[in-house]
PDB file of all heavy atoms in Angstrom:
ATOM      1  N   SER A   1       0.835  -1.197   0.000  1.00  0.00           N
ATOM      2  CA  SER A   1       0.000   0.000   0.000  1.00  0.00           C
ATOM      3  C   SER A   1       0.866   1.242   0.000  1.00  0.00           C
ATOM      4  O   SER A   1       2.034   1.208   0.392  1.00  0.00           O
ATOM      5  CB  SER A   1      -0.967   0.012   1.186  1.00  0.00           C
ATOM      6  OG  SER A   1      -0.258   0.099   2.411  1.00  0.00           O
ATOM      7  N   ILE A   2       0.275   2.368  -0.410  1.00  0.00           N
ATOM      8  CA  ILE A   2       0.990   3.636  -0.495  1.00  0.00           C
ATOM      9  C   ILE A   2       0.033   4.763  -0.149  1.00  0.00           C
ATOM     10  O   ILE A   2      -1.138   4.736  -0.524  1.00  0.00           O
ATOM     11  CB  ILE A   2       1.620   3.813  -1.893  1.00  0.00           C
ATOM     12  CG1 ILE A   2       2.518   5.051  -1.945  1.00  0.00           C
ATOM     13  CG2 ILE A   2       0.542   3.871  -2.975  1.00  0.00           C
ATOM     14  CD1 ILE A   2       3.393   5.098  -3.195  1.00  0.00           C
ATOM     15  N   SER A   3       0.522   5.768   0.585  1.00  0.00           N
ATOM     16  CA  SER A   3      -0.308   6.873   1.031  1.00  0.00           C
ATOM     17  C   SER A   3      -0.591   7.860  -0.094  1.00  0.00           C
ATOM     18  O   SER A   3      -0.037   7.769  -1.190  1.00  0.00           O
ATOM     19  CB  SER A   3       0.367   7.599   2.199  1.00  0.00           C
ATOM     20  OG  SER A   3       1.623   8.120   1.812  1.00  0.00           O
ATOM     21  N   TRP A   4      -1.453   8.833   0.190  1.00  0.00           N
ATOM     22  CA  TRP A   4      -1.895   9.812  -0.801  1.00  0.00           C
ATOM     23  C   TRP A   4      -0.742  10.469  -1.552  1.00  0.00           C
ATOM     24  O   TRP A   4      -0.754  10.548  -2.785  1.00  0.00           O
ATOM     25  CB  TRP A   4      -2.707  10.927  -0.125  1.00  0.00           C
ATOM     26  CG  TRP A   4      -4.031  10.508   0.416  1.00  0.00           C
ATOM     27  CD1 TRP A   4      -4.623   9.285   0.330  1.00  0.00           C
ATOM     28  CD2 TRP A   4      -4.943  11.345   1.129  1.00  0.00           C
ATOM     29  NE1 TRP A   4      -5.843   9.296   0.948  1.00  0.00           N
ATOM     30  CE2 TRP A   4      -6.060  10.561   1.447  1.00  0.00           C
ATOM     31  CE3 TRP A   4      -4.918  12.682   1.533  1.00  0.00           C
ATOM     32  CZ2 TRP A   4      -7.150  11.056   2.151  1.00  0.00           C
ATOM     33  CZ3 TRP A   4      -6.000  13.192   2.237  1.00  0.00           C
ATOM     34  CH2 TRP A   4      -7.104  12.385   2.538  1.00  0.00           C
ATOM     35  N   GLY A   5       0.240  10.957  -0.810  1.00  0.00           N
ATOM     36  CA  GLY A   5       1.358  11.660  -1.411  1.00  0.00           C
ATOM     37  C   GLY A   5       2.507  10.768  -1.822  1.00  0.00           C
ATOM     38  O   GLY A   5       3.463  11.248  -2.441  1.00  0.00           O
ATOM     39  N   GLY A   6       2.446   9.493  -1.479  1.00  0.00           N
ATOM     40  CA  GLY A   6       3.488   8.553  -1.853  1.00  0.00           C
ATOM     41  C   GLY A   6       4.650   8.464  -0.881  1.00  0.00           C
ATOM     42  O   GLY A   6       5.599   7.706  -1.131  1.00  0.00           O
ATOM     43  N   SER A   7       4.595   9.198   0.233  1.00  0.00           N
ATOM     44  CA  SER A   7       5.712   9.211   1.169  1.00  0.00           C
ATOM     45  C   SER A   7       5.739   8.001   2.096  1.00  0.00           C
ATOM     46  O   SER A   7       6.798   7.649   2.616  1.00  0.00           O
ATOM     47  CB  SER A   7       5.690  10.495   1.999  1.00  0.00           C
ATOM     48  OG  SER A   7       4.490  10.596   2.742  1.00  0.00           O
ATOM     49  N   ASN A   8       4.593   7.377   2.318  1.00  0.00           N
ATOM     50  CA  ASN A   8       4.509   6.215   3.205  1.00  0.00           C
ATOM     51  C   ASN A   8       4.128   4.971   2.420  1.00  0.00           C
ATOM     52  O   ASN A   8       3.196   4.999   1.613  1.00  0.00           O
ATOM     53  CB  ASN A   8       3.482   6.455   4.307  1.00  0.00           C
ATOM     54  CG  ASN A   8       3.869   7.587   5.233  1.00  0.00           C
ATOM     55  OD1 ASN A   8       5.032   7.738   5.587  1.00  0.00           O
ATOM     56  ND2 ASN A   8       2.892   8.385   5.632  1.00  0.00           N
ATOM     57  N   THR A   9       4.852   3.884   2.658  1.00  0.00           N
ATOM     58  CA  THR A   9       4.561   2.609   2.012  1.00  0.00           C
ATOM     59  C   THR A   9       4.584   1.484   3.037  1.00  0.00           C
ATOM     60  O   THR A   9       5.216   1.598   4.093  1.00  0.00           O
ATOM     61  CB  THR A   9       5.562   2.286   0.895  1.00  0.00           C
ATOM     62  OG1 THR A   9       6.888   2.241   1.443  1.00  0.00           O
ATOM     63  CG2 THR A   9       5.506   3.331  -0.204  1.00  0.00           C
ATOM     64  N   TYR A  10       3.897   0.395   2.706  1.00  0.00           N
ATOM     65  CA  TYR A  10       3.852  -0.768   3.581  1.00  0.00           C
ATOM     66  C   TYR A  10       3.735  -2.020   2.722  1.00  0.00           C
ATOM     67  O   TYR A  10       2.996  -2.038   1.741  1.00  0.00           O
ATOM     68  CB  TYR A  10       2.669  -0.666   4.543  1.00  0.00           C
ATOM     69  CG  TYR A  10       2.552  -1.840   5.482  1.00  0.00           C
ATOM     70  CD1 TYR A  10       3.439  -1.998   6.539  1.00  0.00           C
ATOM     71  CD2 TYR A  10       1.559  -2.804   5.312  1.00  0.00           C
ATOM     72  CE1 TYR A  10       3.346  -3.079   7.394  1.00  0.00           C
ATOM     73  CE2 TYR A  10       1.461  -3.885   6.160  1.00  0.00           C
ATOM     74  CZ  TYR A  10       2.357  -4.017   7.209  1.00  0.00           C
ATOM     75  OH  TYR A  10       2.261  -5.092   8.058  1.00  0.00           O
ATOM     76  N   TYR A  11       4.469  -3.089   3.115  1.00  0.00           N
ATOM     77  CA  TYR A  11       4.505  -4.322   2.346  1.00  0.00           C
ATOM     78  C   TYR A  11       4.262  -5.540   3.223  1.00  0.00           C
ATOM     79  O   TYR A  11       4.662  -5.569   4.389  1.00  0.00           O
ATOM     80  CB  TYR A  11       5.871  -4.510   1.680  1.00  0.00           C
ATOM     81  CG  TYR A  11       6.278  -3.395   0.756  1.00  0.00           C
ATOM     82  CD1 TYR A  11       6.967  -2.286   1.229  1.00  0.00           C
ATOM     83  CD2 TYR A  11       5.985  -3.458  -0.603  1.00  0.00           C
ATOM     84  CE1 TYR A  11       7.345  -1.263   0.383  1.00  0.00           C
ATOM     85  CE2 TYR A  11       6.364  -2.439  -1.457  1.00  0.00           C
ATOM     86  CZ  TYR A  11       7.046  -1.345  -0.961  1.00  0.00           C
ATOM     87  OH  TYR A  11       7.421  -0.333  -1.814  1.00  0.00           O
ATOM     88  N   VAL A  12       3.654  -6.556   2.636  1.00  0.00           N
ATOM     89  CA  VAL A  12       3.584  -7.839   3.311  1.00  0.00           C
ATOM     90  C   VAL A  12       5.000  -8.418   3.363  1.00  0.00           C
ATOM     91  O   VAL A  12       5.822  -8.172   2.472  1.00  0.00           O
ATOM     92  CB  VAL A  12       2.614  -8.787   2.567  1.00  0.00           C
ATOM     93  CG1 VAL A  12       3.153  -9.181   1.205  1.00  0.00           C
ATOM     94  CG2 VAL A  12       2.298 -10.012   3.411  1.00  0.00           C
ATOM     95  N   ASP A  13       5.311  -9.152   4.428  1.00  0.00           N
ATOM     96  CA  ASP A  13       6.673  -9.631   4.646  1.00  0.00           C
ATOM     97  C   ASP A  13       7.217 -10.450   3.474  1.00  0.00           C
ATOM     98  O   ASP A  13       8.412 -10.390   3.168  1.00  0.00           O
ATOM     99  CB  ASP A  13       6.745 -10.460   5.927  1.00  0.00           C
ATOM    100  CG  ASP A  13       6.654  -9.622   7.181  1.00  0.00           C
ATOM    101  OD1 ASP A  13       6.833  -8.394   7.094  1.00  0.00           O
ATOM    102  OD2 ASP A  13       6.411 -10.196   8.258  1.00  0.00           O
ATOM    103  N   SER A  14       6.375 -11.205   2.809  1.00  0.00           N
ATOM    104  CA  SER A  14       6.820 -12.103   1.758  1.00  0.00           C
ATOM    105  C   SER A  14       7.364 -11.384   0.521  1.00  0.00           C
ATOM    106  O   SER A  14       8.078 -11.994  -0.276  1.00  0.00           O
ATOM    107  CB  SER A  14       5.690 -13.050   1.345  1.00  0.00           C
ATOM    108  OG  SER A  14       4.581 -12.333   0.842  1.00  0.00           O
ATOM    109  N   VAL A  15       7.047 -10.104   0.346  1.00  0.00           N
ATOM    110  CA  VAL A  15       7.530  -9.361  -0.820  1.00  0.00           C
ATOM    111  C   VAL A  15       8.476  -8.233  -0.450  1.00  0.00           C
ATOM    112  O   VAL A  15       9.052  -7.594  -1.343  1.00  0.00           O
ATOM    113  CB  VAL A  15       6.366  -8.796  -1.662  1.00  0.00           C
ATOM    114  CG1 VAL A  15       5.357  -9.882  -1.989  1.00  0.00           C
ATOM    115  CG2 VAL A  15       5.691  -7.628  -0.950  1.00  0.00           C
ATOM    116  N   LYS A  16       8.668  -7.990   0.831  1.00  0.00           N
ATOM    117  CA  LYS A  16       9.517  -6.893   1.283  1.00  0.00           C
ATOM    118  C   LYS A  16      10.941  -7.073   0.764  1.00  0.00           C
ATOM    119  O   LYS A  16      11.535  -8.138   0.894  1.00  0.00           O
ATOM    120  CB  LYS A  16       9.499  -6.821   2.808  1.00  0.00           C
ATOM    121  CG  LYS A  16      10.069  -5.544   3.388  1.00  0.00           C
ATOM    122  CD  LYS A  16       9.821  -5.472   4.892  1.00  0.00           C
ATOM    123  CE  LYS A  16       8.331  -5.439   5.206  1.00  0.00           C
ATOM    124  NZ  LYS A  16       8.067  -5.325   6.663  1.00  0.00           N
ATOM    125  N   GLY A  17      11.480  -6.021   0.167  1.00  0.00           N
ATOM    126  CA  GLY A  17      12.809  -6.072  -0.407  1.00  0.00           C
ATOM    127  C   GLY A  17      12.837  -6.502  -1.848  1.00  0.00           C
ATOM    128  O   GLY A  17      13.870  -6.354  -2.518  1.00  0.00           O
ATOM    129  N   ARG A  18      11.725  -7.042  -2.367  1.00  0.00           N
ATOM    130  CA  ARG A  18      11.650  -7.486  -3.753  1.00  0.00           C
ATOM    131  C   ARG A  18      10.696  -6.624  -4.582  1.00  0.00           C
ATOM    132  O   ARG A  18      10.935  -6.399  -5.766  1.00  0.00           O
ATOM    133  CB  ARG A  18      11.194  -8.943  -3.834  1.00  0.00           C
ATOM    134  CG  ARG A  18      12.125  -9.922  -3.140  1.00  0.00           C
ATOM    135  CD  ARG A  18      11.729 -11.367  -3.440  1.00  0.00           C
ATOM    136  NE  ARG A  18      10.387 -11.677  -2.953  1.00  0.00           N
ATOM    137  CZ  ARG A  18       9.376 -12.077  -3.722  1.00  0.00           C
ATOM    138  NH1 ARG A  18       9.554 -12.214  -5.035  1.00  0.00           N
ATOM    139  NH2 ARG A  18       8.198 -12.352  -3.194  1.00  0.00           N
ATOM    140  N   PHE A  19       9.608  -6.175  -3.961  1.00  0.00           N
ATOM    141  CA  PHE A  19       8.596  -5.377  -4.654  1.00  0.00           C
ATOM    142  C   PHE A  19       8.681  -3.922  -4.209  1.00  0.00           C
ATOM    143  O   PHE A  19       9.009  -3.630  -3.051  1.00  0.00           O
ATOM    144  CB  PHE A  19       7.190  -5.890  -4.351  1.00  0.00           C
ATOM    145  CG  PHE A  19       6.843  -7.224  -4.949  1.00  0.00           C
ATOM    146  CD1 PHE A  19       7.797  -8.031  -5.543  1.00  0.00           C
ATOM    147  CD2 PHE A  19       5.532  -7.671  -4.915  1.00  0.00           C
ATOM    148  CE1 PHE A  19       7.477  -9.261  -6.086  1.00  0.00           C
ATOM    149  CE2 PHE A  19       5.188  -8.897  -5.458  1.00  0.00           C
ATOM    150  CZ  PHE A  19       6.155  -9.691  -6.039  1.00  0.00           C
ATOM    151  N   THR A  20       8.346  -3.004  -5.109  1.00  0.00           N
ATOM    152  CA  THR A  20       8.300  -1.585  -4.792  1.00  0.00           C
ATOM    153  C   THR A  20       7.012  -0.979  -5.328  1.00  0.00           C
ATOM    154  O   THR A  20       6.744  -1.041  -6.526  1.00  0.00           O
ATOM    155  CB  THR A  20       9.499  -0.835  -5.397  1.00  0.00           C
ATOM    156  OG1 THR A  20      10.720  -1.415  -4.936  1.00  0.00           O
ATOM    157  CG2 THR A  20       9.461   0.636  -4.980  1.00  0.00           C
ATOM    158  N   ILE A  21       6.217  -0.392  -4.438  1.00  0.00           N
ATOM    159  CA  ILE A  21       5.005   0.298  -4.848  1.00  0.00           C
ATOM    160  C   ILE A  21       5.311   1.786  -4.998  1.00  0.00           C
ATOM    161  O   ILE A  21       6.051   2.358  -4.199  1.00  0.00           O
ATOM    162  CB  ILE A  21       3.859   0.062  -3.838  1.00  0.00           C
ATOM    163  CG1 ILE A  21       2.538   0.631  -4.369  1.00  0.00           C
ATOM    164  CG2 ILE A  21       4.199   0.628  -2.473  1.00  0.00           C
ATOM    165  CD1 ILE A  21       1.327   0.249  -3.524  1.00  0.00           C
ATOM    166  N   SER A  22       4.760   2.407  -6.029  1.00  0.00           N
ATOM    167  CA  SER A  22       4.962   3.832  -6.257  1.00  0.00           C
ATOM    168  C   SER A  22       3.749   4.403  -6.980  1.00  0.00           C
ATOM    169  O   SER A  22       2.892   3.653  -7.461  1.00  0.00           O
ATOM    170  CB  SER A  22       6.243   4.088  -7.059  1.00  0.00           C
ATOM    171  OG  SER A  22       6.164   3.498  -8.345  1.00  0.00           O
ATOM    172  N   ARG A  23       3.684   5.726  -7.055  1.00  0.00           N
ATOM    173  CA  ARG A  23       2.569   6.360  -7.754  1.00  0.00           C
ATOM    174  C   ARG A  23       3.035   7.646  -8.416  1.00  0.00           C
ATOM    175  O   ARG A  23       3.955   8.321  -7.945  1.00  0.00           O
ATOM    176  CB  ARG A  23       1.404   6.637  -6.792  1.00  0.00           C
ATOM    177  CG  ARG A  23       1.718   7.641  -5.693  1.00  0.00           C
ATOM    178  CD  ARG A  23       0.642   7.634  -4.610  1.00  0.00           C
ATOM    179  NE  ARG A  23      -0.663   8.019  -5.124  1.00  0.00           N
ATOM    180  CZ  ARG A  23      -1.806   7.812  -4.482  1.00  0.00           C
ATOM    181  NH1 ARG A  23      -1.807   7.196  -3.310  1.00  0.00           N
ATOM    182  NH2 ARG A  23      -2.955   8.207  -5.032  1.00  0.00           N
ATOM    183  N   ASP A  24       2.389   7.982  -9.511  1.00  0.00           N
ATOM    184  CA  ASP A  24       2.623   9.228 -10.217  1.00  0.00           C
ATOM    185  C   ASP A  24       1.275   9.925 -10.301  1.00  0.00           C
ATOM    186  O   ASP A  24       0.464   9.621 -11.175  1.00  0.00           O
ATOM    187  CB  ASP A  24       3.203   8.976 -11.605  1.00  0.00           C
ATOM    188  CG  ASP A  24       3.613  10.252 -12.307  1.00  0.00           C
ATOM    189  OD1 ASP A  24       3.097  11.331 -11.964  1.00  0.00           O
ATOM    190  OD2 ASP A  24       4.459  10.176 -13.216  1.00  0.00           O
TER     191      ASP A  24
END
């Protein structure tokens, strides 16, 4: 998940370090 402005992100442990969420 990612916050409105994109400054905060959160990942499930199984993908942490491998996946990156971002928004434009």
